[in-house]
Amino acid sequence: MSIIIVDDNVTNQMIIRTILSKEGYTELRIASSARQLFGMLHLDSDCRAEEQVDLILLDMMMPEIDGLEACRRIQADDRYRDVPIIFVTAVGDSLKLAEALDAGATDYVMKPINKLELLARIRSALRLKHEKDWHKERDKRIRYELELAKQVQRSVLSSPIQDERISIVADYRPSFELAGDYYAWFRIDRDRYAVILLDMMGHGISSSLVCMFISSVLKDMMLRITDPEEVILELNRYMGQLYRSDELMNYYFTAIFVLIDTANHTVEYVNAGHPPGLVVSGESHAMLNPSGPAIGLFEHIRVSKGVVPYEPGTVIALYTDGLLESMGQEDDDSLISRIAEHIRMNPGVEPADRVEGLIQREDGSSRQRDDICLVQMTLK
């Protein structure tokens, strides 16, 4: 337990040191001025190493730099913001003591020093320091685990496909460390490709875990079943496994699944409560509108499959509602028309650049309220 005693009076230094030593505090250091304290803490140097200190006992009235200014300087440094500071002072002015607490001090002890009072206040301050350190360590561990979870979540997203038949790429912008959007695509055989985009309810750890649960079964499901209607119904059955009657909330997600047949030039799809997908060809576009409810809301759902023919050069765009929300306050039909027009005017643009060209930022802010995802398929 490292304690620094700061006092310009040698007698006071000796009294405090003796009291603390007899109570078992052995790691004690003395500073005769605020300047010397700053040197111990590397406050006046380019060194950014953090000195181990658990408590500072600080005299209020000192020459050159008084205790109040010293306290403010220490509290302004991120390295020592959580270190408790107890003023040991003969100043009985309530305004000065209030100013000391406003400067960031944890507590104060009046001179002449009462041994029992000093030790009690030190124990209280150290308990507070221990709790803060515990929370900081826990938060650090949580941040590490969130970063690891984010990397795992990113690793299960499909890599771009670029071949002689099709190009499939995506732009993904989570609004939080862990997001609720997920996409996947697989080449089923020589001619067919299966693509899905889903938007999980909510954000954060719970939504991410549900996404990971879904991703663990998607590949087998999409390659084994292939039919869009059956894939969506099977996903709904899987989501039913997560439902618990004793919880107030059950998880659900919207999804759009497309099956592209490059031999027959057709797009089969099912849209389960998701924003309409777009099939843009030349001067026209078709919308892949919802044909069923979101997945996981009901034990049994009914969906219907749509089929859209396409010509070479057609672009298919699937997106989550975060993209629409980031584009402005227009109605959804107008926003979807803007996406289609952007694709017509800029057919070769990558998804990341397309998103940049579509979204509107207020006051230049890059903050977004929801996850943004755009999956773009160019059919050759």
Protein backbone atom coordinates (compact mmCIF):
# COMPACT_ATOMS: atom_id res chain seq x y z
CA MET A 1 0.00 0.00 0.00
CA SER A 2 1.84 3.10 -1.26
CA ILE A 3 1.13 6.38 0.55
CA ILE A 4 2.78 9.75 -0.14
CA ILE A 5 2.89 12.29 2.73
CA VAL A 6 3.19 15.86 1.46
CA ASP A 7 4.01 18.52 4.10
CA ASP A 8 6.63 21.27 4.31
CA ASN A 9 6.85 20.84 8.10
CA VAL A 10 9.32 18.13 9.20
CA THR A 11 7.54 17.63 12.54
CA ASN A 12 4.22 16.95 10.82
CA GLN A 13 5.96 14.54 8.46
CA MET A 14 7.41 12.63 11.40
CA ILE A 15 4.10 12.48 13.31
CA ILE A 16 2.13 11.14 10.36
CA ARG A 17 4.86 8.70 9.38
CA THR A 18 5.08 7.34 12.92
CA ILE A 19 1.30 6.87 13.20
CA LEU A 20 1.10 5.03 9.87
CA SER A 21 4.19 2.89 10.48
CA LYS A 22 2.81 1.61 13.78
CA GLU A 23 -0.40 0.63 11.99
CA GLY A 24 1.49 -1.49 9.48
CA TYR A 25 1.72 0.94 6.56
CA THR A 26 5.30 0.44 5.42
CA GLU A 27 5.44 1.87 1.90
CA LEU A 28 5.57 5.52 2.89
CA ARG A 29 7.22 8.35 0.94
CA ILE A 30 7.75 11.94 1.95
CA ALA A 31 7.52 15.08 -0.19
CA SER A 32 8.33 18.48 1.32
CA SER A 33 6.62 20.46 -1.41
CA ALA A 34 4.11 20.17 -4.22
CA ARG A 35 6.98 20.50 -6.68
CA GLN A 36 8.70 17.47 -5.14
CA LEU A 37 5.41 15.54 -5.30
CA PHE A 38 5.05 16.40 -8.99
CA GLY A 39 8.53 15.00 -9.56
CA MET A 40 7.59 11.72 -7.89
CA LEU A 41 4.52 11.46 -10.11
CA HIS A 42 6.32 12.64 -13.29
CA LEU A 43 3.84 15.49 -13.70
CA ASP A 44 6.48 18.01 -14.77
CA SER A 45 8.38 15.76 -17.16
CA ASP A 46 7.87 14.12 -20.52
CA CYS A 47 7.85 10.71 -18.82
CA ARG A 48 4.35 9.25 -18.95
CA ALA A 49 5.08 6.25 -16.75
CA GLU A 50 2.54 5.83 -13.98
CA GLU A 51 3.90 5.86 -10.44
CA GLN A 52 2.27 3.39 -8.06
CA VAL A 53 0.42 5.41 -5.43
CA ASP A 54 -2.69 4.43 -3.47
CA LEU A 55 -3.20 7.53 -1.32
CA ILE A 56 -1.86 11.08 -0.96
CA LEU A 57 -1.93 12.95 2.37
CA LEU A 58 -1.62 16.57 1.34
CA ASP A 59 -0.96 19.68 3.40
CA MET A 60 -3.10 22.61 2.32
CA MET A 61 -0.80 25.53 3.19
CA MET A 62 2.56 25.17 1.45
CA PRO A 63 4.92 27.72 -0.13
CA GLU A 64 5.08 28.30 -3.89
CA ILE A 65 2.30 25.84 -4.80
CA ASP A 66 -0.43 25.29 -2.22
CA GLY A 67 -2.37 22.09 -1.66
CA LEU A 68 -5.42 23.21 -3.60
CA GLU A 69 -3.43 23.86 -6.77
CA ALA A 70 -1.49 20.63 -6.29
CA CYS A 71 -4.75 18.70 -5.93
CA ARG A 72 -6.14 20.21 -9.12
CA ARG A 73 -2.97 19.36 -11.04
CA ILE A 74 -3.05 15.74 -9.86
CA GLN A 75 -6.76 15.31 -10.61
CA ALA A 76 -6.24 16.73 -14.11
CA ASP A 77 -3.89 13.85 -14.96
CA ASP A 78 -5.70 10.73 -16.16
CA ARG A 79 -3.11 8.51 -14.50
CA TYR A 80 -3.97 9.71 -10.99
CA ARG A 81 -7.60 10.81 -11.28
CA ASP A 82 -8.75 7.91 -9.09
CA VAL A 83 -6.06 8.28 -6.42
CA PRO A 84 -7.71 9.49 -3.18
CA ILE A 85 -6.33 12.71 -1.70
CA ILE A 86 -6.84 13.56 1.97
CA PHE A 87 -6.01 17.09 3.06
CA VAL A 88 -4.23 17.35 6.40
CA THR A 89 -4.71 20.97 7.38
CA ALA A 90 -4.95 23.49 10.20
CA VAL A 91 -7.27 25.64 8.13
CA GLY A 92 -10.72 25.58 9.70
CA ASP A 93 -12.39 27.82 7.15
CA SER A 94 -15.43 25.93 5.86
CA LEU A 95 -15.20 27.71 2.52
CA LYS A 96 -11.60 26.55 2.09
CA LEU A 97 -12.54 22.99 3.02
CA ALA A 98 -15.41 23.07 0.54
CA GLU A 99 -12.99 24.37 -2.09
CA ALA A 100 -10.67 21.47 -1.29
CA LEU A 101 -13.43 18.94 -1.90
CA ASP A 102 -14.41 20.73 -5.11
CA ALA A 103 -10.78 20.48 -6.24
CA GLY A 104 -11.09 16.70 -6.11
CA ALA A 105 -10.05 15.81 -2.57
CA THR A 106 -11.66 12.73 -1.06
CA ASP A 107 -11.61 13.92 2.55
CA TYR A 108 -9.76 16.10 5.08
CA VAL A 109 -8.30 15.79 8.59
CA MET A 110 -7.77 18.75 10.90
CA LYS A 111 -4.54 19.54 12.73
CA PRO A 112 -3.55 18.81 15.43
CA ILE A 113 -3.91 15.29 14.14
CA ASN A 114 -6.21 12.88 15.90
CA LYS A 115 -4.72 9.43 15.37
CA LEU A 116 -8.01 7.52 15.35
CA GLU A 117 -9.65 9.99 12.98
CA LEU A 118 -6.69 9.96 10.59
CA LEU A 119 -6.58 6.15 10.44
CA ALA A 120 -10.35 5.87 9.99
CA ARG A 121 -10.35 8.32 7.10
CA ILE A 122 -7.38 6.59 5.50
CA ARG A 123 -9.13 3.21 5.71
CA SER A 124 -12.27 4.71 4.17
CA ALA A 125 -10.31 6.30 1.32
CA LEU A 126 -8.36 3.10 0.62
CA ARG A 127 -11.59 1.09 0.51
CA LEU A 128 -12.88 3.54 -2.09
CA LYS A 129 -9.61 3.23 -4.04
CA HIS A 130 -9.84 -0.57 -3.93
CA GLU A 131 -13.40 -0.48 -5.29
CA LYS A 132 -12.42 1.91 -8.08
CA ASP A 133 -9.44 -0.26 -9.00
CA TRP A 134 -11.68 -3.32 -9.07
CA HIS A 135 -14.14 -1.59 -11.39
CA LYS A 136 -11.34 -0.34 -13.65
CA GLU A 137 -9.89 -3.83 -13.93
CA ARG A 138 -13.32 -5.30 -14.62
CA ASP A 139 -14.02 -2.66 -17.28
CA LYS A 140 -10.64 -3.35 -18.86
CA ARG A 141 -11.43 -7.07 -18.97
CA ILE A 142 -14.87 -6.41 -20.43
CA ARG A 143 -13.38 -4.14 -23.11
CA TYR A 144 -10.88 -6.85 -23.99
CA GLU A 145 -13.62 -9.47 -24.21
CA LEU A 146 -15.81 -7.15 -26.29
CA GLU A 147 -12.93 -6.56 -28.69
CA LEU A 148 -12.36 -10.30 -28.95
CA ALA A 149 -16.08 -10.90 -29.50
CA LYS A 150 -16.10 -8.19 -32.20
CA GLN A 151 -13.22 -9.89 -33.98
CA VAL A 152 -14.97 -13.26 -33.78
CA GLN A 153 -18.19 -11.73 -35.08
CA ARG A 154 -16.36 -10.11 -37.99
CA SER A 155 -14.56 -13.36 -38.79
CA VAL A 156 -17.81 -15.22 -39.54
CA LEU A 157 -18.96 -12.67 -42.12
CA SER A 158 -18.56 -13.88 -45.69
CA SER A 159 -15.60 -12.74 -47.75
CA PRO A 160 -16.23 -11.02 -51.10
CA ILE A 161 -16.86 -13.17 -54.18
CA GLN A 162 -15.44 -12.06 -57.51
CA ASP A 163 -15.74 -14.53 -60.38
CA GLU A 164 -16.85 -14.64 -64.01
CA ARG A 165 -20.54 -14.87 -63.08
CA ILE A 166 -21.07 -12.57 -60.10
CA SER A 167 -19.55 -10.02 -57.74
CA ILE A 168 -20.75 -9.98 -54.10
CA VAL A 169 -19.35 -7.38 -51.70
CA ALA A 170 -20.62 -5.58 -48.60
CA ASP A 171 -20.09 -2.53 -46.41
CA TYR A 172 -20.73 -3.05 -42.69
CA ARG A 173 -20.77 -0.25 -40.10
CA PRO A 174 -21.77 -1.28 -36.57
CA SER A 175 -23.11 1.49 -34.35
CA PHE A 176 -21.78 -0.32 -31.25
CA GLU A 177 -18.85 -2.61 -30.51
CA LEU A 178 -21.11 -5.56 -31.20
CA ALA A 179 -23.81 -5.30 -33.80
CA GLY A 180 -27.08 -6.97 -34.70
CA ASP A 181 -26.63 -7.04 -38.48
CA TYR A 182 -25.30 -10.16 -40.16
CA TYR A 183 -24.78 -11.28 -43.74
CA ALA A 184 -23.63 -14.47 -45.41
CA TRP A 185 -23.39 -15.91 -48.89
CA PHE A 186 -22.37 -19.24 -50.36
CA ARG A 187 -21.88 -20.70 -53.80
CA ILE A 188 -24.26 -23.64 -53.88
CA ASP A 189 -23.15 -25.15 -57.18
CA ARG A 190 -21.75 -24.04 -60.53
CA ASP A 191 -24.64 -21.71 -61.30
CA ARG A 192 -26.37 -20.79 -58.02
CA TYR A 193 -25.48 -18.46 -55.17
CA ALA A 194 -27.37 -18.02 -51.88
CA VAL A 195 -27.22 -14.67 -50.07
CA ILE A 196 -28.87 -13.61 -46.79
CA LEU A 197 -28.92 -10.35 -44.86
CA LEU A 198 -30.56 -10.12 -41.44
CA ASP A 199 -31.09 -7.41 -38.85
CA MET A 200 -31.37 -8.62 -35.25
CA MET A 201 -33.53 -6.79 -32.75
CA GLY A 202 -31.42 -4.48 -30.57
CA HIS A 203 -27.66 -4.09 -30.23
CA GLY A 204 -24.83 -5.25 -28.06
CA ILE A 205 -23.89 -8.58 -26.55
CA SER A 206 -27.29 -10.31 -26.59
CA SER A 207 -27.99 -9.47 -30.23
CA SER A 208 -24.46 -10.46 -31.20
CA LEU A 209 -24.82 -13.84 -29.46
CA VAL A 210 -28.08 -14.54 -31.27
CA CYS A 211 -26.38 -13.62 -34.56
CA MET A 212 -23.57 -16.06 -33.77
CA PHE A 213 -26.15 -18.74 -32.98
CA ILE A 214 -27.82 -18.19 -36.34
CA SER A 215 -24.49 -18.07 -38.21
CA SER A 216 -23.56 -21.49 -36.80
CA VAL A 217 -26.43 -23.15 -38.67
CA LEU A 218 -26.78 -20.94 -41.74
CA LYS A 219 -24.18 -22.51 -44.01
CA ASP A 220 -25.51 -26.03 -43.66
CA MET A 221 -29.09 -24.78 -43.96
CA MET A 222 -28.49 -22.68 -47.08
CA LEU A 223 -26.47 -25.39 -48.85
CA ARG A 224 -28.77 -28.24 -47.83
CA ILE A 225 -32.20 -26.68 -48.28
CA THR A 226 -31.56 -23.88 -50.83
CA ASP A 227 -35.28 -23.13 -51.36
CA PRO A 228 -35.84 -19.60 -49.96
CA GLU A 229 -39.20 -20.42 -48.35
CA GLU A 230 -37.85 -23.48 -46.57
CA VAL A 231 -34.73 -21.64 -45.40
CA ILE A 232 -36.81 -18.89 -43.77
CA LEU A 233 -39.18 -21.39 -42.13
CA GLU A 234 -36.23 -23.39 -40.80
CA LEU A 235 -34.69 -20.24 -39.37
CA ASN A 236 -37.96 -19.51 -37.60
CA ARG A 237 -37.88 -22.99 -36.05
CA TYR A 238 -34.35 -22.38 -34.81
CA MET A 239 -35.32 -19.05 -33.30
CA GLY A 240 -38.16 -20.82 -31.48
CA GLN A 241 -35.49 -22.71 -29.53
CA LEU A 242 -34.42 -19.42 -27.92
CA TYR A 243 -37.92 -18.49 -26.73
CA ARG A 244 -38.55 -18.67 -22.98
CA SER A 245 -42.03 -18.12 -21.64
CA ASP A 246 -40.76 -16.54 -18.40
CA GLU A 247 -39.01 -13.69 -20.24
CA LEU A 248 -40.76 -10.48 -21.21
CA MET A 249 -38.91 -10.26 -24.51
CA ASN A 250 -38.17 -12.81 -27.19
CA TYR A 251 -35.56 -12.26 -29.85
CA TYR A 252 -36.45 -11.81 -33.48
CA PHE A 253 -34.89 -10.48 -36.66
CA THR A 254 -35.86 -9.37 -40.12
CA ALA A 255 -34.16 -11.08 -43.05
CA ILE A 256 -34.04 -11.16 -46.81
CA PHE A 257 -32.81 -14.30 -48.55
CA VAL A 258 -32.06 -14.46 -52.26
CA LEU A 259 -31.12 -17.35 -54.48
CA ILE A 260 -29.42 -16.26 -57.69
CA ASP A 261 -29.43 -18.64 -60.65
CA THR A 262 -26.85 -17.39 -63.14
CA ALA A 263 -27.78 -20.04 -65.73
CA ASN A 264 -31.46 -19.12 -65.89
CA HIS A 265 -30.92 -15.45 -64.99
CA THR A 266 -33.44 -15.47 -62.14
CA VAL A 267 -33.53 -14.20 -58.58
CA GLU A 268 -35.71 -16.12 -56.14
CA TYR A 269 -36.27 -14.41 -52.78
CA VAL A 270 -38.17 -14.30 -49.53
CA ASN A 271 -38.35 -11.10 -47.52
CA ALA A 272 -39.25 -11.64 -43.84
CA GLY A 273 -40.19 -8.17 -42.61
CA HIS A 274 -37.00 -6.63 -44.00
CA PRO A 275 -36.61 -3.37 -45.98
CA PRO A 276 -37.21 -4.04 -49.70
CA GLY A 277 -34.23 -5.25 -51.66
CA LEU A 278 -33.54 -3.68 -55.04
CA VAL A 279 -32.91 -5.25 -58.44
CA VAL A 280 -31.63 -2.45 -60.65
CA SER A 281 -31.34 -3.02 -64.38
CA GLY A 282 -30.87 -0.20 -66.88
CA GLU A 283 -33.46 2.53 -66.27
CA SER A 284 -35.80 0.33 -64.24
CA HIS A 285 -35.75 -1.38 -60.88
CA ALA A 286 -37.80 -4.03 -59.08
CA MET A 287 -38.37 -4.13 -55.33
CA LEU A 288 -38.03 -7.33 -53.30
CA ASN A 289 -40.86 -6.47 -50.92
CA PRO A 290 -41.70 -8.19 -47.62
CA SER A 291 -43.69 -11.38 -48.06
CA GLY A 292 -43.87 -12.54 -44.45
CA PRO A 293 -43.34 -11.46 -40.82
CA ALA A 294 -40.04 -11.11 -38.98
CA ILE A 295 -38.38 -14.34 -37.89
CA GLY A 296 -38.84 -15.41 -34.27
CA LEU A 297 -41.93 -13.37 -33.47
CA PHE A 298 -44.36 -16.27 -33.92
CA GLU A 299 -44.09 -20.02 -33.53
CA HIS A 300 -45.46 -20.60 -37.01
CA ILE A 301 -45.20 -18.18 -39.91
CA ARG A 302 -46.24 -18.16 -43.56
CA VAL A 303 -44.01 -16.71 -46.25
CA SER A 304 -44.16 -16.65 -50.03
CA LYS A 305 -41.39 -16.73 -52.57
CA GLY A 306 -40.94 -14.20 -55.34
CA VAL A 307 -39.06 -14.63 -58.63
CA VAL A 308 -37.49 -11.79 -60.64
CA PRO A 309 -35.69 -12.27 -63.99
CA TYR A 310 -32.55 -10.25 -64.65
CA GLU A 311 -30.27 -9.24 -67.49
CA PRO A 312 -26.45 -9.20 -67.38
CA GLY A 313 -25.22 -6.03 -65.72
CA THR A 314 -28.04 -6.02 -63.18
CA VAL A 315 -27.16 -4.86 -59.63
CA ILE A 316 -28.94 -6.24 -56.57
CA ALA A 317 -28.76 -4.23 -53.35
CA LEU A 318 -29.77 -5.54 -49.92
CA TYR A 319 -29.55 -3.20 -46.94
CA THR A 320 -30.68 -2.80 -43.34
CA ASP A 321 -32.94 -0.02 -42.07
CA GLY A 322 -29.91 1.71 -40.54
CA LEU A 323 -29.00 2.87 -44.05
CA LEU A 324 -32.46 4.36 -44.61
CA GLU A 325 -32.38 6.11 -41.21
CA SER A 326 -29.00 7.63 -42.01
CA MET A 327 -30.21 9.04 -45.36
CA GLY A 328 -32.58 11.65 -43.94
CA GLN A 329 -36.18 12.29 -42.97
CA GLU A 330 -37.92 11.42 -46.26
CA ASP A 331 -40.46 8.60 -46.48
CA ASP A 332 -39.07 5.13 -47.17
CA ASP A 333 -40.27 5.02 -50.79
CA SER A 334 -38.33 8.20 -51.59
CA LEU A 335 -35.23 6.89 -49.85
CA ILE A 336 -35.41 3.58 -51.72
CA SER A 337 -35.79 5.45 -55.00
CA ARG A 338 -32.65 7.43 -54.12
CA ILE A 339 -30.73 4.19 -53.60
CA ALA A 340 -31.92 2.86 -56.96
CA GLU A 341 -30.98 6.13 -58.68
CA HIS A 342 -27.55 6.10 -57.06
CA ILE A 343 -26.97 2.58 -58.37
CA ARG A 344 -28.10 3.56 -61.89
CA MET A 345 -25.88 6.63 -61.95
CA ASN A 346 -22.89 4.91 -60.32
CA PRO A 347 -23.04 1.22 -61.28
CA GLY A 348 -19.39 0.41 -60.56
CA VAL A 349 -19.13 2.06 -57.14
CA GLU A 350 -18.01 -0.08 -54.19
CA PRO A 351 -20.51 -0.45 -51.30
CA ALA A 352 -18.43 1.68 -48.91
CA ASP A 353 -18.35 4.58 -51.36
CA ARG A 354 -22.03 4.08 -52.14
CA VAL A 355 -22.95 4.33 -48.45
CA GLU A 356 -20.84 7.50 -48.15
CA GLY A 357 -22.69 8.95 -51.11
CA LEU A 358 -26.09 8.16 -49.63
CA ILE A 359 -25.90 9.00 -45.93
CA GLN A 360 -26.38 12.45 -44.47
CA ARG A 361 -24.42 13.59 -41.43
CA GLU A 362 -25.69 16.36 -39.20
CA ASP A 363 -23.05 19.00 -38.44
CA GLY A 364 -20.39 16.80 -39.96
CA SER A 365 -20.78 14.19 -37.19
CA SER A 366 -19.91 10.58 -37.98
CA ARG A 367 -22.21 9.29 -35.23
CA GLN A 368 -24.83 6.77 -36.33
CA ARG A 369 -27.82 5.56 -34.36
CA ASP A 370 -28.16 2.12 -35.91
CA ASP A 371 -26.03 -0.48 -37.65
CA ILE A 372 -25.59 0.15 -41.37
CA CYS A 373 -25.09 -2.70 -43.81
CA LEU A 374 -25.22 -2.78 -47.60
CA VAL A 375 -24.74 -5.98 -49.61
CA GLN A 376 -24.23 -5.41 -53.32
CA MET A 377 -24.34 -8.05 -56.04
CA THR A 378 -23.38 -7.34 -59.63
CA LEU A 379 -24.58 -10.01 -62.09
CA LYS A 380 -22.31 -10.43 -65.09
